[in-house]
Amino acid sequence: MGRSLAVGLADKNIRVNTISPGPIETPIFDKMGLPKENLDNFNQEAISKIALKRFGKACEVAQAVLFLASNEASFINGVELFVDGGMVEL
């Protein structure tokens, strides 16, 4: 959908890019009510699928968004940026 919008809105000088985040550290994990052992097992399983072997941080996703919205990315249009620590590559 992002690429279609990027093409359709380009003549209006509107760029459309998408961010696809991987596992990100958020407070939701603490609010799930899971036993610590289950949560630890989930985290270990998730981390094993991430090339950088850690969860991302919300600020890392925000920095990617800020870059795509900045003048430094003015010639970038229609891309999907994976902010996932290399998870999609494994």
PDB file of N, CA and C in Angstrom:
ATOM      1  N   MET A   1       0.814  -1.172   0.000  1.00  0.00           N
ATOM      2  CA  MET A   1       0.000   0.000   0.000  1.00  0.00           C
ATOM      3  C   MET A   1       0.871   1.255   0.000  1.00  0.00           C
ATOM      4  N   GLY A   2       1.971   1.238   0.756  1.00  0.00           N
ATOM      5  CA  GLY A   2       2.853   2.399   0.814  1.00  0.00           C
ATOM      6  C   GLY A   2       3.412   2.766  -0.541  1.00  0.00           C
ATOM      7  N   ARG A   3       3.814   1.764  -1.308  1.00  0.00           N
ATOM      8  CA  ARG A   3       4.370   2.043  -2.645  1.00  0.00           C
ATOM      9  C   ARG A   3       3.311   2.614  -3.571  1.00  0.00           C
ATOM     10  N   SER A   4       2.112   2.083  -3.504  1.00  0.00           N
ATOM     11  CA  SER A   4       1.022   2.606  -4.337  1.00  0.00           C
ATOM     12  C   SER A   4       0.725   4.055  -3.989  1.00  0.00           C
ATOM     13  N   LEU A   5       0.671   4.361  -2.705  1.00  0.00           N
ATOM     14  CA  LEU A   5       0.448   5.737  -2.283  1.00  0.00           C
ATOM     15  C   LEU A   5       1.609   6.637  -2.697  1.00  0.00           C
ATOM     16  N   ALA A   6       2.827   6.118  -2.612  1.00  0.00           N
ATOM     17  CA  ALA A   6       3.995   6.906  -2.998  1.00  0.00           C
ATOM     18  C   ALA A   6       3.910   7.321  -4.462  1.00  0.00           C
ATOM     19  N   VAL A   7       3.511   6.408  -5.318  1.00  0.00           N
ATOM     20  CA  VAL A   7       3.373   6.720  -6.738  1.00  0.00           C
ATOM     21  C   VAL A   7       2.209   7.680  -6.962  1.00  0.00           C
ATOM     22  N   GLY A   8       1.088   7.420  -6.319  1.00  0.00           N
ATOM     23  CA  GLY A   8      -0.105   8.229  -6.521  1.00  0.00           C
ATOM     24  C   GLY A   8       0.002   9.647  -5.991  1.00  0.00           C
ATOM     25  N   LEU A   9       0.831   9.857  -4.976  1.00  0.00           N
ATOM     26  CA  LEU A   9       0.931  11.176  -4.361  1.00  0.00           C
ATOM     27  C   LEU A   9       2.192  11.942  -4.761  1.00  0.00           C
ATOM     28  N   ALA A  10       3.062  11.309  -5.531  1.00  0.00           N
ATOM     29  CA  ALA A  10       4.323  11.948  -5.911  1.00  0.00           C
ATOM     30  C   ALA A  10       4.104  13.260  -6.659  1.00  0.00           C
ATOM     31  N   ASP A  11       3.094  13.329  -7.524  1.00  0.00           N
ATOM     32  CA  ASP A  11       2.856  14.560  -8.282  1.00  0.00           C
ATOM     33  C   ASP A  11       2.399  15.711  -7.383  1.00  0.00           C
ATOM     34  N   LYS A  12       2.008  15.414  -6.159  1.00  0.00           N
ATOM     35  CA  LYS A  12       1.639  16.450  -5.183  1.00  0.00           C
ATOM     36  C   LYS A  12       2.802  16.742  -4.241  1.00  0.00           C
ATOM     37  N   ASN A  13       3.972  16.198  -4.577  1.00  0.00           N
ATOM     38  CA  ASN A  13       5.185  16.369  -3.776  1.00  0.00           C
ATOM     39  C   ASN A  13       5.023  15.799  -2.365  1.00  0.00           C
ATOM     40  N   ILE A  14       4.260  14.705  -2.266  1.00  0.00           N
ATOM     41  CA  ILE A  14       4.081  13.997  -1.003  1.00  0.00           C
ATOM     42  C   ILE A  14       4.821  12.669  -1.101  1.00  0.00           C
ATOM     43  N   ARG A  15       5.741  12.473  -0.163  1.00  0.00           N
ATOM     44  CA  ARG A  15       6.483  11.215  -0.118  1.00  0.00           C
ATOM     45  C   ARG A  15       5.805  10.277   0.872  1.00  0.00           C
ATOM     46  N   VAL A  16       5.789   8.992   0.536  1.00  0.00           N
ATOM     47  CA  VAL A  16       5.213   7.980   1.423  1.00  0.00           C
ATOM     48  C   VAL A  16       6.230   6.850   1.587  1.00  0.00           C
ATOM     49  N   ASN A  17       6.631   6.629   2.817  1.00  0.00           N
ATOM     50  CA  ASN A  17       7.530   5.535   3.157  1.00  0.00           C
ATOM     51  C   ASN A  17       6.922   4.803   4.347  1.00  0.00           C
ATOM     52  N   THR A  18       7.279   3.558   4.525  1.00  0.00           N
ATOM     53  CA  THR A  18       6.731   2.784   5.638  1.00  0.00           C
ATOM     54  C   THR A  18       7.846   2.270   6.534  1.00  0.00           C
ATOM     55  N   ILE A  19       7.524   2.148   7.799  1.00  0.00           N
ATOM     56  CA  ILE A  19       8.434   1.583   8.803  1.00  0.00           C
ATOM     57  C   ILE A  19       7.851   0.250   9.250  1.00  0.00           C
ATOM     58  N   SER A  20       8.668  -0.773   9.239  1.00  0.00           N
ATOM     59  CA  SER A  20       8.266  -2.094   9.741  1.00  0.00           C
ATOM     60  C   SER A  20       9.162  -2.446  10.924  1.00  0.00           C
ATOM     61  N   PRO A  21       8.686  -2.194  12.134  1.00  0.00           N
ATOM     62  CA  PRO A  21       9.516  -2.486  13.304  1.00  0.00           C
ATOM     63  C   PRO A  21       9.488  -3.965  13.657  1.00  0.00           C
ATOM     64  N   GLY A  22      10.570  -4.398  14.246  1.00  0.00           N
ATOM     65  CA  GLY A  22      10.630  -5.745  14.802  1.00  0.00           C
ATOM     66  C   GLY A  22      10.242  -5.687  16.268  1.00  0.00           C
ATOM     67  N   PRO A  23      10.685  -6.659  17.053  1.00  0.00           N
ATOM     68  CA  PRO A  23      10.378  -6.655  18.482  1.00  0.00           C
ATOM     69  C   PRO A  23      11.002  -5.440  19.172  1.00  0.00           C
ATOM     70  N   ILE A  24      10.163  -4.670  19.848  1.00  0.00           N
ATOM     71  CA  ILE A  24      10.595  -3.441  20.497  1.00  0.00           C
ATOM     72  C   ILE A  24      10.278  -3.532  21.996  1.00  0.00           C
ATOM     73  N   GLU A  25      11.246  -3.102  22.831  1.00  0.00           N
ATOM     74  CA  GLU A  25      11.024  -3.068  24.282  1.00  0.00           C
ATOM     75  C   GLU A  25       9.933  -2.052  24.590  1.00  0.00           C
ATOM     76  N   THR A  26       8.866  -2.520  25.185  1.00  0.00           N
ATOM     77  CA  THR A  26       7.792  -1.626  25.615  1.00  0.00           C
ATOM     78  C   THR A  26       7.249  -2.134  26.951  1.00  0.00           C
ATOM     79  N   PRO A  27       6.519  -1.301  27.666  1.00  0.00           N
ATOM     80  CA  PRO A  27       5.945  -1.728  28.950  1.00  0.00           C
ATOM     81  C   PRO A  27       4.868  -2.809  28.811  1.00  0.00           C
ATOM     82  N   ILE A  28       4.425  -3.106  27.610  1.00  0.00           N
ATOM     83  CA  ILE A  28       3.349  -4.087  27.428  1.00  0.00           C
ATOM     84  C   ILE A  28       3.735  -5.454  27.989  1.00  0.00           C
ATOM     85  N   PHE A  29       5.009  -5.788  27.913  1.00  0.00           N
ATOM     86  CA  PHE A  29       5.425  -7.102  28.402  1.00  0.00           C
ATOM     87  C   PHE A  29       5.178  -7.246  29.897  1.00  0.00           C
ATOM     88  N   ASP A  30       5.376  -6.174  30.639  1.00  0.00           N
ATOM     89  CA  ASP A  30       5.142  -6.218  32.089  1.00  0.00           C
ATOM     90  C   ASP A  30       3.660  -6.266  32.428  1.00  0.00           C
ATOM     91  N   LYS A  31       2.819  -5.829  31.510  1.00  0.00           N
ATOM     92  CA  LYS A  31       1.376  -5.757  31.772  1.00  0.00           C
ATOM     93  C   LYS A  31       0.620  -7.001  31.309  1.00  0.00           C
ATOM     94  N   MET A  32       1.329  -7.964  30.739  1.00  0.00           N
ATOM     95  CA  MET A  32       0.665  -9.147  30.204  1.00  0.00           C
ATOM     96  C   MET A  32       0.277 -10.144  31.284  1.00  0.00           C
ATOM     97  N   GLY A  33       0.859 -10.015  32.457  1.00  0.00           N
ATOM     98  CA  GLY A  33       0.518 -10.913  33.555  1.00  0.00           C
ATOM     99  C   GLY A  33       1.101 -12.305  33.417  1.00  0.00           C
ATOM    100  N   LEU A  34       2.095 -12.455  32.576  1.00  0.00           N
ATOM    101  CA  LEU A  34       2.731 -13.764  32.402  1.00  0.00           C
ATOM    102  C   LEU A  34       3.725 -14.020  33.521  1.00  0.00           C
ATOM    103  N   PRO A  35       3.870 -15.282  33.911  1.00  0.00           N
ATOM    104  CA  PRO A  35       4.916 -15.609  34.875  1.00  0.00           C
ATOM    105  C   PRO A  35       6.284 -15.250  34.291  1.00  0.00           C
ATOM    106  N   LYS A  36       7.207 -14.856  35.151  1.00  0.00           N
ATOM    107  CA  LYS A  36       8.536 -14.440  34.710  1.00  0.00           C
ATOM    108  C   LYS A  36       9.196 -15.487  33.826  1.00  0.00           C
ATOM    109  N   GLU A  37       9.041 -16.760  34.177  1.00  0.00           N
ATOM    110  CA  GLU A  37       9.656 -17.840  33.385  1.00  0.00           C
ATOM    111  C   GLU A  37       9.112 -17.848  31.951  1.00  0.00           C
ATOM    112  N   ASN A  38       7.813 -17.694  31.807  1.00  0.00           N
ATOM    113  CA  ASN A  38       7.211 -17.665  30.470  1.00  0.00           C
ATOM    114  C   ASN A  38       7.691 -16.454  29.677  1.00  0.00           C
ATOM    115  N   LEU A  39       7.757 -15.322  30.339  1.00  0.00           N
ATOM    116  CA  LEU A  39       8.218 -14.098  29.690  1.00  0.00           C
ATOM    117  C   LEU A  39       9.675 -14.232  29.275  1.00  0.00           C
ATOM    118  N   ASP A  40      10.500 -14.808  30.138  1.00  0.00           N
ATOM    119  CA  ASP A  40      11.909 -15.023  29.805  1.00  0.00           C
ATOM    120  C   ASP A  40      12.049 -15.960  28.605  1.00  0.00           C
ATOM    121  N   ASN A  41      11.245 -17.028  28.563  1.00  0.00           N
ATOM    122  CA  ASN A  41      11.284 -17.960  27.427  1.00  0.00           C
ATOM    123  C   ASN A  41      10.864 -17.267  26.135  1.00  0.00           C
ATOM    124  N   PHE A  42       9.819 -16.457  26.210  1.00  0.00           N
ATOM    125  CA  PHE A  42       9.370 -15.704  25.037  1.00  0.00           C
ATOM    126  C   PHE A  42      10.477 -14.774  24.539  1.00  0.00           C
ATOM    127  N   ASN A  43      11.098 -14.040  25.480  1.00  0.00           N
ATOM    128  CA  ASN A  43      12.165 -13.113  25.114  1.00  0.00           C
ATOM    129  C   ASN A  43      13.344 -13.833  24.475  1.00  0.00           C
ATOM    130  N   GLN A  44      13.746 -14.955  25.042  1.00  0.00           N
ATOM    131  CA  GLN A  44      14.869 -15.721  24.488  1.00  0.00           C
ATOM    132  C   GLN A  44      14.552 -16.228  23.085  1.00  0.00           C
ATOM    133  N   GLU A  45      13.328 -16.702  22.873  1.00  0.00           N
ATOM    134  CA  GLU A  45      12.915 -17.182  21.552  1.00  0.00           C
ATOM    135  C   GLU A  45      12.932 -16.041  20.537  1.00  0.00           C
ATOM    136  N   ALA A  46      12.403 -14.898  20.930  1.00  0.00           N
ATOM    137  CA  ALA A  46      12.378 -13.743  20.029  1.00  0.00           C
ATOM    138  C   ALA A  46      13.790 -13.287  19.701  1.00  0.00           C
ATOM    139  N   ILE A  47      14.640 -13.171  20.702  1.00  0.00           N
ATOM    140  CA  ILE A  47      16.016 -12.704  20.503  1.00  0.00           C
ATOM    141  C   ILE A  47      16.792 -13.653  19.596  1.00  0.00           C
ATOM    142  N   SER A  48      16.499 -14.934  19.662  1.00  0.00           N
ATOM    143  CA  SER A  48      17.204 -15.897  18.808  1.00  0.00           C
ATOM    144  C   SER A  48      16.905 -15.671  17.323  1.00  0.00           C
ATOM    145  N   LYS A  49      15.836 -14.935  17.024  1.00  0.00           N
ATOM    146  CA  LYS A  49      15.451 -14.671  15.634  1.00  0.00           C
ATOM    147  C   LYS A  49      15.898 -13.291  15.151  1.00  0.00           C
ATOM    148  N   ILE A  50      16.639 -12.561  15.983  1.00  0.00           N
ATOM    149  CA  ILE A  50      17.089 -11.212  15.650  1.00  0.00           C
ATOM    150  C   ILE A  50      18.598 -11.242  15.459  1.00  0.00           C
ATOM    151  N   ALA A  51      19.076 -10.769  14.321  1.00  0.00           N
ATOM    152  CA  ALA A  51      20.513 -10.809  14.028  1.00  0.00           C
ATOM    153  C   ALA A  51      21.338 -10.064  15.082  1.00  0.00           C
ATOM    154  N   LEU A  52      20.843  -8.928  15.585  1.00  0.00           N
ATOM    155  CA  LEU A  52      21.582  -8.155  16.580  1.00  0.00           C
ATOM    156  C   LEU A  52      21.424  -8.687  17.996  1.00  0.00           C
ATOM    157  N   LYS A  53      20.610  -9.734  18.164  1.00  0.00           N
ATOM    158  CA  LYS A  53      20.441 -10.452  19.442  1.00  0.00           C
ATOM    159  C   LYS A  53      19.973  -9.567  20.590  1.00  0.00           C
ATOM    160  N   ARG A  54      19.046  -8.646  20.279  1.00  0.00           N
ATOM    161  CA  ARG A  54      18.439  -7.826  21.316  1.00  0.00           C
ATOM    162  C   ARG A  54      17.140  -7.244  20.780  1.00  0.00           C
ATOM    163  N   PHE A  55      16.295  -6.794  21.688  1.00  0.00           N
ATOM    164  CA  PHE A  55      15.095  -6.067  21.316  1.00  0.00           C
ATOM    165  C   PHE A  55      15.493  -4.647  20.928  1.00  0.00           C
ATOM    166  N   GLY A  56      14.710  -4.043  20.073  1.00  0.00           N
ATOM    167  CA  GLY A  56      14.920  -2.646  19.737  1.00  0.00           C
ATOM    168  C   GLY A  56      14.317  -1.745  20.798  1.00  0.00           C
ATOM    169  N   LYS A  57      14.616  -0.472  20.666  1.00  0.00           N
ATOM    170  CA  LYS A  57      14.070   0.536  21.576  1.00  0.00           C
ATOM    171  C   LYS A  57      13.151   1.455  20.780  1.00  0.00           C
ATOM    172  N   ALA A  58      12.135   1.970  21.446  1.00  0.00           N
ATOM    173  CA  ALA A  58      11.193   2.860  20.779  1.00  0.00           C
ATOM    174  C   ALA A  58      11.914   4.055  20.157  1.00  0.00           C
ATOM    175  N   CYS A  59      12.948   4.561  20.826  1.00  0.00           N
ATOM    176  CA  CYS A  59      13.680   5.708  20.287  1.00  0.00           C
ATOM    177  C   CYS A  59      14.380   5.361  18.973  1.00  0.00           C
ATOM    178  N   GLU A  60      14.738   4.085  18.778  1.00  0.00           N
ATOM    179  CA  GLU A  60      15.376   3.682  17.516  1.00  0.00           C
ATOM    180  C   GLU A  60      14.376   3.719  16.363  1.00  0.00           C
ATOM    181  N   VAL A  61      13.140   3.345  16.638  1.00  0.00           N
ATOM    182  CA  VAL A  61      12.092   3.444  15.627  1.00  0.00           C
ATOM    183  C   VAL A  61      11.809   4.917  15.340  1.00  0.00           C
ATOM    184  N   ALA A  62      11.736   5.710  16.395  1.00  0.00           N
ATOM    185  CA  ALA A  62      11.471   7.144  16.238  1.00  0.00           C
ATOM    186  C   ALA A  62      12.570   7.813  15.407  1.00  0.00           C
ATOM    187  N   GLN A  63      13.812   7.430  15.604  1.00  0.00           N
ATOM    188  CA  GLN A  63      14.910   8.017  14.835  1.00  0.00           C
ATOM    189  C   GLN A  63      14.793   7.677  13.359  1.00  0.00           C
ATOM    190  N   ALA A  64      14.351   6.468  13.042  1.00  0.00           N
ATOM    191  CA  ALA A  64      14.143   6.091  11.644  1.00  0.00           C
ATOM    192  C   ALA A  64      13.024   6.924  11.023  1.00  0.00           C
ATOM    193  N   VAL A  65      11.950   7.125  11.778  1.00  0.00           N
ATOM    194  CA  VAL A  65      10.832   7.950  11.300  1.00  0.00           C
ATOM    195  C   VAL A  65      11.300   9.384  11.078  1.00  0.00           C
ATOM    196  N   LEU A  66      12.044   9.928  12.026  1.00  0.00           N
ATOM    197  CA  LEU A  66      12.550  11.294  11.883  1.00  0.00           C
ATOM    198  C   LEU A  66      13.447  11.435  10.669  1.00  0.00           C
ATOM    199  N   PHE A  67      14.275  10.433  10.420  1.00  0.00           N
ATOM    200  CA  PHE A  67      15.124  10.484   9.232  1.00  0.00           C
ATOM    201  C   PHE A  67      14.286  10.525   7.964  1.00  0.00           C
ATOM    202  N   LEU A  68      13.312   9.629   7.852  1.00  0.00           N
ATOM    203  CA  LEU A  68      12.498   9.593   6.634  1.00  0.00           C
ATOM    204  C   LEU A  68      11.681  10.874   6.449  1.00  0.00           C
ATOM    205  N   ALA A  69      11.360  11.543   7.535  1.00  0.00           N
ATOM    206  CA  ALA A  69      10.602  12.794   7.448  1.00  0.00           C
ATOM    207  C   ALA A  69      11.499  14.009   7.216  1.00  0.00           C
ATOM    208  N   SER A  70      12.799  13.825   7.306  1.00  0.00           N
ATOM    209  CA  SER A  70      13.737  14.947   7.225  1.00  0.00           C
ATOM    210  C   SER A  70      14.107  15.295   5.781  1.00  0.00           C
ATOM    211  N   ASN A  71      14.746  16.451   5.635  1.00  0.00           N
ATOM    212  CA  ASN A  71      15.250  16.872   4.326  1.00  0.00           C
ATOM    213  C   ASN A  71      16.350  15.945   3.821  1.00  0.00           C
ATOM    214  N   GLU A  72      17.051  15.274   4.728  1.00  0.00           N
ATOM    215  CA  GLU A  72      18.101  14.334   4.322  1.00  0.00           C
ATOM    216  C   GLU A  72      17.534  13.156   3.529  1.00  0.00           C
ATOM    217  N   ALA A  73      16.248  12.906   3.666  1.00  0.00           N
ATOM    218  CA  ALA A  73      15.596  11.801   2.949  1.00  0.00           C
ATOM    219  C   ALA A  73      14.671  12.320   1.855  1.00  0.00           C
ATOM    220  N   SER A  74      14.917  13.517   1.375  1.00  0.00           N
ATOM    221  CA  SER A  74      14.002  14.166   0.425  1.00  0.00           C
ATOM    222  C   SER A  74      13.874  13.437  -0.912  1.00  0.00           C
ATOM    223  N   PHE A  75      14.809  12.565  -1.246  1.00  0.00           N
ATOM    224  CA  PHE A  75      14.730  11.818  -2.504  1.00  0.00           C
ATOM    225  C   PHE A  75      14.410  10.343  -2.265  1.00  0.00           C
ATOM    226  N   ILE A  76      13.921  10.039  -1.082  1.00  0.00           N
ATOM    227  CA  ILE A  76      13.514   8.674  -0.736  1.00  0.00           C
ATOM    228  C   ILE A  76      11.991   8.632  -0.748  1.00  0.00           C
ATOM    229  N   ASN A  77      11.446   7.737  -1.548  1.00  0.00           N
ATOM    230  CA  ASN A  77       9.998   7.636  -1.686  1.00  0.00           C
ATOM    231  C   ASN A  77       9.622   6.194  -2.008  1.00  0.00           C
ATOM    232  N   GLY A  78       8.633   5.684  -1.307  1.00  0.00           N
ATOM    233  CA  GLY A  78       8.116   4.351  -1.609  1.00  0.00           C
ATOM    234  C   GLY A  78       8.911   3.208  -1.023  1.00  0.00           C
ATOM    235  N   VAL A  79       9.718   3.477   0.004  1.00  0.00           N
ATOM    236  CA  VAL A  79      10.507   2.399   0.594  1.00  0.00           C
ATOM    237  C   VAL A  79       9.829   1.843   1.840  1.00  0.00           C
ATOM    238  N   GLU A  80      10.142   0.602   2.152  1.00  0.00           N
ATOM    239  CA  GLU A  80       9.767  -0.004   3.424  1.00  0.00           C
ATOM    240  C   GLU A  80      11.061  -0.196   4.191  1.00  0.00           C
ATOM    241  N   LEU A  81      11.182   0.489   5.310  1.00  0.00           N
ATOM    242  CA  LEU A  81      12.390   0.419   6.120  1.00  0.00           C
ATOM    243  C   LEU A  81      12.139  -0.516   7.297  1.00  0.00           C
ATOM    244  N   PHE A  82      12.900  -1.579   7.337  1.00  0.00           N
ATOM    245  CA  PHE A  82      12.783  -2.545   8.429  1.00  0.00           C
ATOM    246  C   PHE A  82      13.666  -2.089   9.578  1.00  0.00           C
ATOM    247  N   VAL A  83      13.062  -1.788  10.702  1.00  0.00           N
ATOM    248  CA  VAL A  83      13.789  -1.399  11.923  1.00  0.00           C
ATOM    249  C   VAL A  83      13.621  -2.566  12.873  1.00  0.00           C
ATOM    250  N   ASP A  84      14.353  -3.636  12.561  1.00  0.00           N
ATOM    251  CA  ASP A  84      14.112  -4.910  13.242  1.00  0.00           C
ATOM    252  C   ASP A  84      15.387  -5.639  13.662  1.00  0.00           C
ATOM    253  N   GLY A  85      16.509  -4.956  13.672  1.00  0.00           N
ATOM    254  CA  GLY A  85      17.758  -5.582  14.099  1.00  0.00           C
ATOM    255  C   GLY A  85      18.217  -6.700  13.180  1.00  0.00           C
ATOM    256  N   GLY A  86      17.734  -6.729  11.951  1.00  0.00           N
ATOM    257  CA  GLY A  86      18.103  -7.773  11.003  1.00  0.00           C
ATOM    258  C   GLY A  86      17.234  -9.013  11.070  1.00  0.00           C
ATOM    259  N   MET A  87      16.105  -8.937  11.769  1.00  0.00           N
ATOM    260  CA  MET A  87      15.235 -10.105  11.922  1.00  0.00           C
ATOM    261  C   MET A  87      14.716 -10.616  10.583  1.00  0.00           C
ATOM    262  N   VAL A  88      14.366  -9.721   9.685  1.00  0.00           N
ATOM    263  CA  VAL A  88      13.802 -10.132   8.397  1.00  0.00           C
ATOM    264  C   VAL A  88      14.849 -10.875   7.550  1.00  0.00           C
ATOM    265  N   GLU A  89      16.119 -10.682   7.869  1.00  0.00           N
ATOM    266  CA  GLU A  89      17.180 -11.328   7.100  1.00  0.00           C
ATOM    267  C   GLU A  89      17.468 -12.753   7.537  1.00  0.00           C
ATOM    268  N   LEU A  90      17.008 -13.124   8.732  1.00  0.00           N
ATOM    269  CA  LEU A  90      17.312 -14.483   9.243  1.00  0.00           C
ATOM    270  C   LEU A  90      16.254 -15.482   8.807  1.00  0.00           C
TER     271      LEU A  90
END
